[in-house]
Amino acid sequence: MSESDEESRADGGRLGGGEGAAWRRDLALAASFLTRLPIAPAVPDAAEARRSFRAYPLVGAGIGLAAGAVLALALGVGLPPAAAAIVAVAVQIALTGGLHEDGLADLADGLGPADRARRLEVMRDSRIGTFGVLALILGVGARIAAVAAL
């Protein structure tokens, strides 16, 4: 049992002391991995990295709230829904550094080659191919359309 688990049990499981500090650390680790925010905690060991997964939904909610706030602001200043949606999705992409878009493009490019070894080689390549570009256009376009429909 870890030290933070023992502290959590000692205080009845409340988020005080050790467990609160562990949640803050997990949130910082999750935010440093999932966003481009200038949060630079020390490099975690494998157990800390696994434990930080519990904070991923909170970081995702924060990104969504930021994009929602920008959407509301853009609509409030009179931008049409499509333009406001473009700005909101751009904020999401900027906050995450395009992490999901990069993965989508790699996956789409990897669907082209027939054999497994070539697929993996293509996905590891930093260049983007036709399938990757098309997946990004369709994926980001679908997100913009969905946000505009809200």
N, C-alpha and C. Protein backbone atom coordinates (compact mmCIF):
# COMPACT_ATOMS: atom_id res chain seq x y z
N MET A 1 0.85 -1.18 0.00
CA MET A 1 0.00 0.00 0.00
C MET A 1 0.89 1.23 0.00
N SER A 2 0.53 2.23 -0.82
CA SER A 2 1.35 3.42 -0.91
C SER A 2 1.12 4.32 0.30
N GLU A 3 2.03 5.26 0.46
CA GLU A 3 1.94 6.20 1.58
C GLU A 3 0.67 7.03 1.50
N SER A 4 0.30 7.47 0.28
CA SER A 4 -0.91 8.29 0.14
C SER A 4 -2.16 7.47 0.45
N ASP A 5 -2.15 6.15 0.12
CA ASP A 5 -3.28 5.29 0.47
C ASP A 5 -3.41 5.19 1.98
N GLU A 6 -2.28 5.03 2.68
CA GLU A 6 -2.30 4.93 4.13
C GLU A 6 -2.81 6.22 4.75
N GLU A 7 -2.37 7.37 4.23
CA GLU A 7 -2.83 8.65 4.75
C GLU A 7 -4.32 8.83 4.50
N SER A 8 -4.79 8.39 3.32
CA SER A 8 -6.19 8.51 2.99
C SER A 8 -7.04 7.68 3.95
N ARG A 9 -6.58 6.46 4.25
CA ARG A 9 -7.31 5.61 5.18
C ARG A 9 -7.28 6.19 6.59
N ALA A 10 -6.17 6.78 6.96
CA ALA A 10 -6.03 7.33 8.30
C ALA A 10 -6.99 8.50 8.54
N ASP A 11 -7.27 9.28 7.48
CA ASP A 11 -8.16 10.43 7.68
C ASP A 11 -9.58 10.12 7.20
N GLY A 12 -9.91 8.83 7.08
CA GLY A 12 -11.26 8.45 6.72
C GLY A 12 -11.56 8.56 5.24
N GLY A 13 -10.52 8.69 4.40
CA GLY A 13 -10.71 8.75 2.96
C GLY A 13 -11.00 10.15 2.45
N ARG A 14 -10.97 11.15 3.33
CA ARG A 14 -11.22 12.52 2.88
C ARG A 14 -10.06 13.00 2.03
N LEU A 15 -10.32 14.02 1.19
CA LEU A 15 -9.29 14.59 0.33
C LEU A 15 -8.48 15.62 1.10
N GLY A 16 -7.82 15.22 2.12
CA GLY A 16 -6.97 16.13 2.86
C GLY A 16 -5.57 15.56 2.90
N GLY A 17 -4.62 16.38 3.23
CA GLY A 17 -3.26 15.90 3.42
C GLY A 17 -2.72 15.17 2.22
N GLY A 18 -2.33 13.92 2.42
CA GLY A 18 -1.66 13.14 1.40
C GLY A 18 -2.50 12.87 0.18
N GLU A 19 -3.77 12.54 0.36
CA GLU A 19 -4.61 12.24 -0.80
C GLU A 19 -4.87 13.48 -1.63
N GLY A 20 -5.07 14.61 -0.97
CA GLY A 20 -5.25 15.87 -1.71
C GLY A 20 -4.01 16.21 -2.51
N ALA A 21 -2.84 16.02 -1.91
CA ALA A 21 -1.59 16.27 -2.62
C ALA A 21 -1.42 15.29 -3.78
N ALA A 22 -1.85 14.04 -3.59
CA ALA A 22 -1.75 13.05 -4.65
C ALA A 22 -2.67 13.43 -5.82
N TRP A 23 -3.87 13.91 -5.52
CA TRP A 23 -4.78 14.35 -6.59
C TRP A 23 -4.20 15.54 -7.33
N ARG A 24 -3.61 16.49 -6.60
CA ARG A 24 -3.00 17.65 -7.26
C ARG A 24 -1.87 17.21 -8.18
N ARG A 25 -1.05 16.27 -7.71
CA ARG A 25 0.05 15.75 -8.51
C ARG A 25 -0.51 15.03 -9.75
N ASP A 26 -1.54 14.22 -9.56
CA ASP A 26 -2.14 13.49 -10.68
C ASP A 26 -2.74 14.46 -11.70
N LEU A 27 -3.37 15.52 -11.22
CA LEU A 27 -3.95 16.51 -12.11
C LEU A 27 -2.85 17.23 -12.90
N ALA A 28 -1.75 17.56 -12.22
CA ALA A 28 -0.63 18.21 -12.91
C ALA A 28 -0.02 17.28 -13.95
N LEU A 29 0.15 16.00 -13.61
CA LEU A 29 0.70 15.05 -14.57
C LEU A 29 -0.23 14.89 -15.77
N ALA A 30 -1.52 14.75 -15.51
CA ALA A 30 -2.48 14.59 -16.60
C ALA A 30 -2.50 15.83 -17.49
N ALA A 31 -2.51 17.00 -16.87
CA ALA A 31 -2.53 18.24 -17.66
C ALA A 31 -1.24 18.42 -18.46
N SER A 32 -0.11 18.01 -17.88
CA SER A 32 1.14 18.16 -18.61
C SER A 32 1.20 17.23 -19.81
N PHE A 33 0.53 16.07 -19.72
CA PHE A 33 0.54 15.13 -20.84
C PHE A 33 -0.52 15.48 -21.88
N LEU A 34 -1.71 15.87 -21.43
CA LEU A 34 -2.84 16.05 -22.34
C LEU A 34 -2.97 17.46 -22.92
N THR A 35 -2.20 18.42 -22.40
CA THR A 35 -2.31 19.79 -22.89
C THR A 35 -0.93 20.36 -23.18
N ARG A 36 -0.93 21.56 -23.72
CA ARG A 36 0.33 22.29 -23.97
C ARG A 36 0.56 23.34 -22.88
N LEU A 37 -0.19 23.25 -21.79
CA LEU A 37 -0.03 24.20 -20.70
C LEU A 37 1.37 24.03 -20.10
N PRO A 38 1.99 25.12 -19.70
CA PRO A 38 3.37 25.04 -19.19
C PRO A 38 3.44 24.50 -17.76
N ILE A 39 3.04 23.25 -17.62
CA ILE A 39 3.10 22.56 -16.33
C ILE A 39 4.19 21.51 -16.48
N ALA A 40 5.20 21.60 -15.66
CA ALA A 40 6.33 20.67 -15.82
C ALA A 40 6.67 19.98 -14.50
N PRO A 41 5.82 19.06 -14.06
CA PRO A 41 6.20 18.32 -12.86
C PRO A 41 7.34 17.37 -13.17
N ALA A 42 7.97 16.85 -12.15
CA ALA A 42 9.06 15.90 -12.34
C ALA A 42 8.54 14.69 -13.11
N VAL A 43 9.43 14.02 -13.80
CA VAL A 43 9.06 12.84 -14.59
C VAL A 43 8.52 11.77 -13.64
N PRO A 44 7.31 11.27 -13.91
CA PRO A 44 6.72 10.29 -13.01
C PRO A 44 7.29 8.89 -13.23
N ASP A 45 7.18 8.08 -12.18
CA ASP A 45 7.49 6.67 -12.39
C ASP A 45 6.23 6.02 -12.96
N ALA A 46 6.31 4.74 -13.29
CA ALA A 46 5.19 4.06 -13.96
C ALA A 46 3.93 4.06 -13.09
N ALA A 47 4.06 3.86 -11.80
CA ALA A 47 2.89 3.83 -10.91
C ALA A 47 2.22 5.20 -10.84
N GLU A 48 3.01 6.26 -10.77
CA GLU A 48 2.44 7.62 -10.75
C GLU A 48 1.73 7.92 -12.06
N ALA A 49 2.33 7.52 -13.15
CA ALA A 49 1.71 7.76 -14.46
C ALA A 49 0.37 7.04 -14.56
N ARG A 50 0.32 5.80 -14.11
CA ARG A 50 -0.94 5.04 -14.13
C ARG A 50 -1.99 5.70 -13.23
N ARG A 51 -1.57 6.12 -12.04
CA ARG A 51 -2.51 6.72 -11.10
C ARG A 51 -3.06 8.04 -11.65
N SER A 52 -2.26 8.75 -12.45
CA SER A 52 -2.73 10.03 -12.98
C SER A 52 -3.86 9.87 -13.99
N PHE A 53 -4.09 8.66 -14.49
CA PHE A 53 -5.20 8.43 -15.43
C PHE A 53 -6.52 8.86 -14.82
N ARG A 54 -6.65 8.77 -13.50
CA ARG A 54 -7.91 9.14 -12.85
C ARG A 54 -8.23 10.62 -13.04
N ALA A 55 -7.22 11.43 -13.32
CA ALA A 55 -7.43 12.87 -13.51
C ALA A 55 -7.68 13.24 -14.96
N TYR A 56 -7.55 12.31 -15.89
CA TYR A 56 -7.76 12.62 -17.31
C TYR A 56 -9.15 13.20 -17.58
N PRO A 57 -10.23 12.63 -17.02
CA PRO A 57 -11.54 13.23 -17.28
C PRO A 57 -11.65 14.67 -16.78
N LEU A 58 -10.99 14.98 -15.69
CA LEU A 58 -11.01 16.36 -15.18
C LEU A 58 -10.31 17.31 -16.14
N VAL A 59 -9.19 16.88 -16.69
CA VAL A 59 -8.47 17.70 -17.66
C VAL A 59 -9.33 17.86 -18.92
N GLY A 60 -9.94 16.79 -19.37
CA GLY A 60 -10.83 16.86 -20.53
C GLY A 60 -11.99 17.80 -20.29
N ALA A 61 -12.56 17.77 -19.08
CA ALA A 61 -13.65 18.68 -18.75
C ALA A 61 -13.16 20.13 -18.77
N GLY A 62 -11.96 20.36 -18.29
CA GLY A 62 -11.40 21.71 -18.32
C GLY A 62 -11.21 22.22 -19.73
N ILE A 63 -10.73 21.35 -20.61
CA ILE A 63 -10.56 21.73 -22.02
C ILE A 63 -11.93 22.03 -22.64
N GLY A 64 -12.91 21.20 -22.34
CA GLY A 64 -14.26 21.42 -22.84
C GLY A 64 -14.87 22.71 -22.31
N LEU A 65 -14.64 22.99 -21.02
CA LEU A 65 -15.16 24.23 -20.44
C LEU A 65 -14.51 25.45 -21.09
N ALA A 66 -13.20 25.38 -21.32
CA ALA A 66 -12.51 26.50 -21.97
C ALA A 66 -13.06 26.74 -23.37
N ALA A 67 -13.25 25.66 -24.13
CA ALA A 67 -13.80 25.79 -25.48
C ALA A 67 -15.23 26.30 -25.43
N GLY A 68 -16.02 25.83 -24.46
CA GLY A 68 -17.39 26.29 -24.31
C GLY A 68 -17.46 27.77 -23.96
N ALA A 69 -16.55 28.21 -23.11
CA ALA A 69 -16.50 29.64 -22.74
C ALA A 69 -16.16 30.49 -23.96
N VAL A 70 -15.20 30.01 -24.75
CA VAL A 70 -14.83 30.75 -25.97
C VAL A 70 -15.99 30.75 -26.96
N LEU A 71 -16.69 29.65 -27.06
CA LEU A 71 -17.87 29.58 -27.95
C LEU A 71 -18.91 30.59 -27.50
N ALA A 72 -19.21 30.61 -26.21
CA ALA A 72 -20.21 31.55 -25.69
C ALA A 72 -19.78 33.00 -25.93
N LEU A 73 -18.51 33.28 -25.71
CA LEU A 73 -17.99 34.63 -25.94
C LEU A 73 -18.10 35.01 -27.42
N ALA A 74 -17.71 34.09 -28.30
CA ALA A 74 -17.76 34.35 -29.74
C ALA A 74 -19.19 34.59 -30.20
N LEU A 75 -20.11 33.79 -29.70
CA LEU A 75 -21.52 34.00 -30.05
C LEU A 75 -22.03 35.31 -29.45
N GLY A 76 -21.54 35.64 -28.26
CA GLY A 76 -21.95 36.86 -27.59
C GLY A 76 -21.52 38.13 -28.31
N VAL A 77 -20.39 38.06 -29.02
CA VAL A 77 -19.94 39.25 -29.76
C VAL A 77 -20.50 39.28 -31.18
N GLY A 78 -21.37 38.31 -31.50
CA GLY A 78 -22.06 38.35 -32.78
C GLY A 78 -21.51 37.49 -33.89
N LEU A 79 -20.54 36.64 -33.60
CA LEU A 79 -20.07 35.74 -34.66
C LEU A 79 -21.17 34.75 -35.03
N PRO A 80 -21.27 34.39 -36.28
CA PRO A 80 -22.23 33.35 -36.67
C PRO A 80 -21.83 32.01 -36.03
N PRO A 81 -22.80 31.11 -35.84
CA PRO A 81 -22.49 29.84 -35.18
C PRO A 81 -21.32 29.06 -35.79
N ALA A 82 -21.22 29.02 -37.11
CA ALA A 82 -20.13 28.27 -37.74
C ALA A 82 -18.78 28.89 -37.41
N ALA A 83 -18.68 30.21 -37.46
CA ALA A 83 -17.42 30.88 -37.14
C ALA A 83 -17.07 30.71 -35.67
N ALA A 84 -18.07 30.81 -34.80
CA ALA A 84 -17.83 30.61 -33.37
C ALA A 84 -17.36 29.18 -33.10
N ALA A 85 -17.95 28.22 -33.80
CA ALA A 85 -17.55 26.82 -33.64
C ALA A 85 -16.11 26.61 -34.10
N ILE A 86 -15.71 27.25 -35.18
CA ILE A 86 -14.32 27.14 -35.65
C ILE A 86 -13.37 27.66 -34.58
N VAL A 87 -13.70 28.78 -33.98
CA VAL A 87 -12.85 29.35 -32.93
C VAL A 87 -12.78 28.41 -31.73
N ALA A 88 -13.93 27.86 -31.31
CA ALA A 88 -13.96 26.96 -30.15
C ALA A 88 -13.15 25.69 -30.40
N VAL A 89 -13.28 25.10 -31.57
CA VAL A 89 -12.51 23.88 -31.90
C VAL A 89 -11.02 24.23 -32.01
N ALA A 90 -10.71 25.40 -32.53
CA ALA A 90 -9.30 25.83 -32.60
C ALA A 90 -8.71 25.96 -31.19
N VAL A 91 -9.50 26.42 -30.24
CA VAL A 91 -9.02 26.51 -28.86
C VAL A 91 -8.73 25.12 -28.31
N GLN A 92 -9.62 24.17 -28.56
CA GLN A 92 -9.37 22.79 -28.13
C GLN A 92 -8.08 22.25 -28.72
N ILE A 93 -7.89 22.46 -30.00
CA ILE A 93 -6.69 21.96 -30.67
C ILE A 93 -5.45 22.65 -30.13
N ALA A 94 -5.53 23.95 -29.90
CA ALA A 94 -4.38 24.68 -29.36
C ALA A 94 -4.04 24.20 -27.94
N LEU A 95 -5.05 23.99 -27.12
CA LEU A 95 -4.80 23.54 -25.75
C LEU A 95 -4.15 22.15 -25.71
N THR A 96 -4.57 21.27 -26.61
CA THR A 96 -4.05 19.90 -26.60
C THR A 96 -2.82 19.72 -27.48
N GLY A 97 -2.45 20.74 -28.22
CA GLY A 97 -1.32 20.61 -29.11
C GLY A 97 -1.59 19.67 -30.27
N GLY A 98 -2.87 19.45 -30.57
CA GLY A 98 -3.23 18.58 -31.69
C GLY A 98 -2.96 17.10 -31.42
N LEU A 99 -2.91 16.71 -30.15
CA LEU A 99 -2.60 15.32 -29.78
C LEU A 99 -3.56 14.33 -30.45
N HIS A 100 -4.87 14.60 -30.36
CA HIS A 100 -5.84 13.68 -30.94
C HIS A 100 -5.81 13.71 -32.46
N GLU A 101 -5.60 14.88 -33.02
CA GLU A 101 -5.54 15.01 -34.47
C GLU A 101 -4.33 14.26 -35.04
N ASP A 102 -3.21 14.33 -34.35
CA ASP A 102 -2.02 13.61 -34.78
C ASP A 102 -2.28 12.10 -34.78
N GLY A 103 -2.91 11.63 -33.72
CA GLY A 103 -3.23 10.20 -33.65
C GLY A 103 -4.20 9.77 -34.73
N LEU A 104 -5.20 10.60 -34.99
CA LEU A 104 -6.16 10.29 -36.05
C LEU A 104 -5.48 10.21 -37.40
N ALA A 105 -4.60 11.17 -37.69
CA ALA A 105 -3.90 11.18 -38.98
C ALA A 105 -3.00 9.95 -39.11
N ASP A 106 -2.29 9.59 -38.04
CA ASP A 106 -1.44 8.39 -38.08
C ASP A 106 -2.27 7.14 -38.32
N LEU A 107 -3.39 7.03 -37.62
CA LEU A 107 -4.26 5.87 -37.80
C LEU A 107 -4.76 5.78 -39.23
N ALA A 108 -5.24 6.89 -39.77
CA ALA A 108 -5.78 6.89 -41.14
C ALA A 108 -4.71 6.54 -42.16
N ASP A 109 -3.50 7.10 -41.98
CA ASP A 109 -2.41 6.76 -42.91
C ASP A 109 -2.06 5.28 -42.81
N GLY A 110 -2.17 4.72 -41.62
CA GLY A 110 -1.84 3.30 -41.43
C GLY A 110 -2.85 2.35 -42.03
N LEU A 111 -4.01 2.85 -42.43
CA LEU A 111 -5.02 1.98 -43.03
C LEU A 111 -4.71 1.65 -44.49
N GLY A 112 -3.81 2.40 -45.12
CA GLY A 112 -3.50 2.20 -46.53
C GLY A 112 -2.74 0.92 -46.85
N PRO A 113 -1.55 0.71 -46.27
CA PRO A 113 -0.76 -0.47 -46.63
C PRO A 113 -1.44 -1.78 -46.23
N ALA A 114 -1.18 -2.81 -47.03
CA ALA A 114 -1.81 -4.10 -46.79
C ALA A 114 -1.13 -4.92 -45.69
N ASP A 115 0.21 -4.87 -45.61
CA ASP A 115 0.88 -5.71 -44.62
C ASP A 115 1.18 -4.95 -43.33
N ARG A 116 1.20 -5.69 -42.23
CA ARG A 116 1.32 -5.11 -40.89
C ARG A 116 2.61 -4.32 -40.71
N ALA A 117 3.72 -4.83 -41.15
CA ALA A 117 5.01 -4.16 -40.98
C ALA A 117 5.01 -2.79 -41.67
N ARG A 118 4.48 -2.75 -42.87
CA ARG A 118 4.42 -1.48 -43.62
C ARG A 118 3.47 -0.49 -42.94
N ARG A 119 2.34 -1.00 -42.42
CA ARG A 119 1.39 -0.14 -41.71
C ARG A 119 2.06 0.53 -40.51
N LEU A 120 2.78 -0.24 -39.73
CA LEU A 120 3.47 0.31 -38.56
C LEU A 120 4.53 1.32 -38.97
N GLU A 121 5.24 1.03 -40.04
CA GLU A 121 6.26 1.96 -40.55
C GLU A 121 5.62 3.30 -40.96
N VAL A 122 4.49 3.23 -41.65
CA VAL A 122 3.79 4.44 -42.08
C VAL A 122 3.30 5.24 -40.86
N MET A 123 2.75 4.55 -39.86
CA MET A 123 2.24 5.26 -38.68
C MET A 123 3.35 5.91 -37.87
N ARG A 124 4.55 5.35 -37.90
CA ARG A 124 5.68 5.94 -37.17
C ARG A 124 6.30 7.12 -37.91
N ASP A 125 6.05 7.21 -39.19
CA ASP A 125 6.60 8.29 -40.01
C ASP A 125 5.97 9.61 -39.59
N SER A 126 6.78 10.64 -39.42
CA SER A 126 6.26 11.93 -38.96
C SER A 126 5.52 12.70 -40.05
N ARG A 127 5.71 12.29 -41.29
CA ARG A 127 5.01 12.97 -42.39
C ARG A 127 3.57 12.49 -42.47
N ILE A 128 2.71 13.35 -42.99
CA ILE A 128 1.30 12.99 -43.10
C ILE A 128 0.99 12.65 -44.56
N GLY A 129 0.15 11.64 -44.72
CA GLY A 129 -0.22 11.21 -46.07
C GLY A 129 -1.63 11.64 -46.44
N THR A 130 -2.06 11.19 -47.60
CA THR A 130 -3.38 11.57 -48.12
C THR A 130 -4.50 11.14 -47.19
N PHE A 131 -4.45 9.90 -46.71
CA PHE A 131 -5.50 9.42 -45.81
C PHE A 131 -5.52 10.24 -44.52
N GLY A 132 -4.36 10.60 -44.01
CA GLY A 132 -4.27 11.41 -42.80
C GLY A 132 -4.88 12.79 -42.99
N VAL A 133 -4.57 13.42 -44.12
CA VAL A 133 -5.12 14.75 -44.42
C VAL A 133 -6.64 14.67 -44.53
N LEU A 134 -7.12 13.68 -45.26
CA LEU A 134 -8.57 13.55 -45.43
C LEU A 134 -9.27 13.27 -44.09
N ALA A 135 -8.67 12.43 -43.26
CA ALA A 135 -9.25 12.14 -41.94
C ALA A 135 -9.31 13.40 -41.10
N LEU A 136 -8.26 14.23 -41.15
CA LEU A 136 -8.26 15.48 -40.39
C LEU A 136 -9.33 16.44 -40.88
N ILE A 137 -9.44 16.57 -42.19
CA ILE A 137 -10.46 17.47 -42.76
C ILE A 137 -11.85 17.02 -42.32
N LEU A 138 -12.12 15.73 -42.47
CA LEU A 138 -13.44 15.21 -42.12
C LEU A 138 -13.68 15.25 -40.61
N GLY A 139 -12.66 14.89 -39.82
CA GLY A 139 -12.81 14.86 -38.36
C GLY A 139 -13.00 16.24 -37.76
N VAL A 140 -12.15 17.17 -38.14
CA VAL A 140 -12.27 18.53 -37.61
C VAL A 140 -13.54 19.19 -38.15
N GLY A 141 -13.85 18.94 -39.41
CA GLY A 141 -15.08 19.47 -39.98
C GLY A 141 -16.32 18.97 -39.27
N ALA A 142 -16.33 17.68 -38.92
CA ALA A 142 -17.46 17.10 -38.20
C ALA A 142 -17.58 17.72 -36.79
N ARG A 143 -16.44 17.93 -36.13
CA ARG A 143 -16.47 18.58 -34.80
C ARG A 143 -17.02 19.99 -34.89
N ILE A 144 -16.57 20.73 -35.89
CA ILE A 144 -17.05 22.10 -36.08
C ILE A 144 -18.56 22.10 -36.35
N ALA A 145 -19.02 21.20 -37.21
CA ALA A 145 -20.44 21.12 -37.52
C ALA A 145 -21.25 20.77 -36.26
N ALA A 146 -20.73 19.84 -35.46
CA ALA A 146 -21.44 19.45 -34.23
C ALA A 146 -21.51 20.61 -33.24
N VAL A 147 -20.40 21.33 -33.06
CA VAL A 147 -20.41 22.46 -32.13
C VAL A 147 -21.33 23.56 -32.66
N ALA A 148 -21.31 23.81 -33.96
CA ALA A 148 -22.18 24.84 -34.53
C ALA A 148 -23.64 24.49 -34.36
N ALA A 149 -23.95 23.20 -34.38
CA ALA A 149 -25.34 22.75 -34.23
C ALA A 149 -25.84 22.94 -32.79
N LEU A 150 -24.93 23.08 -31.85
CA LEU A 150 -25.34 23.29 -30.46
C LEU A 150 -26.05 24.62 -30.33
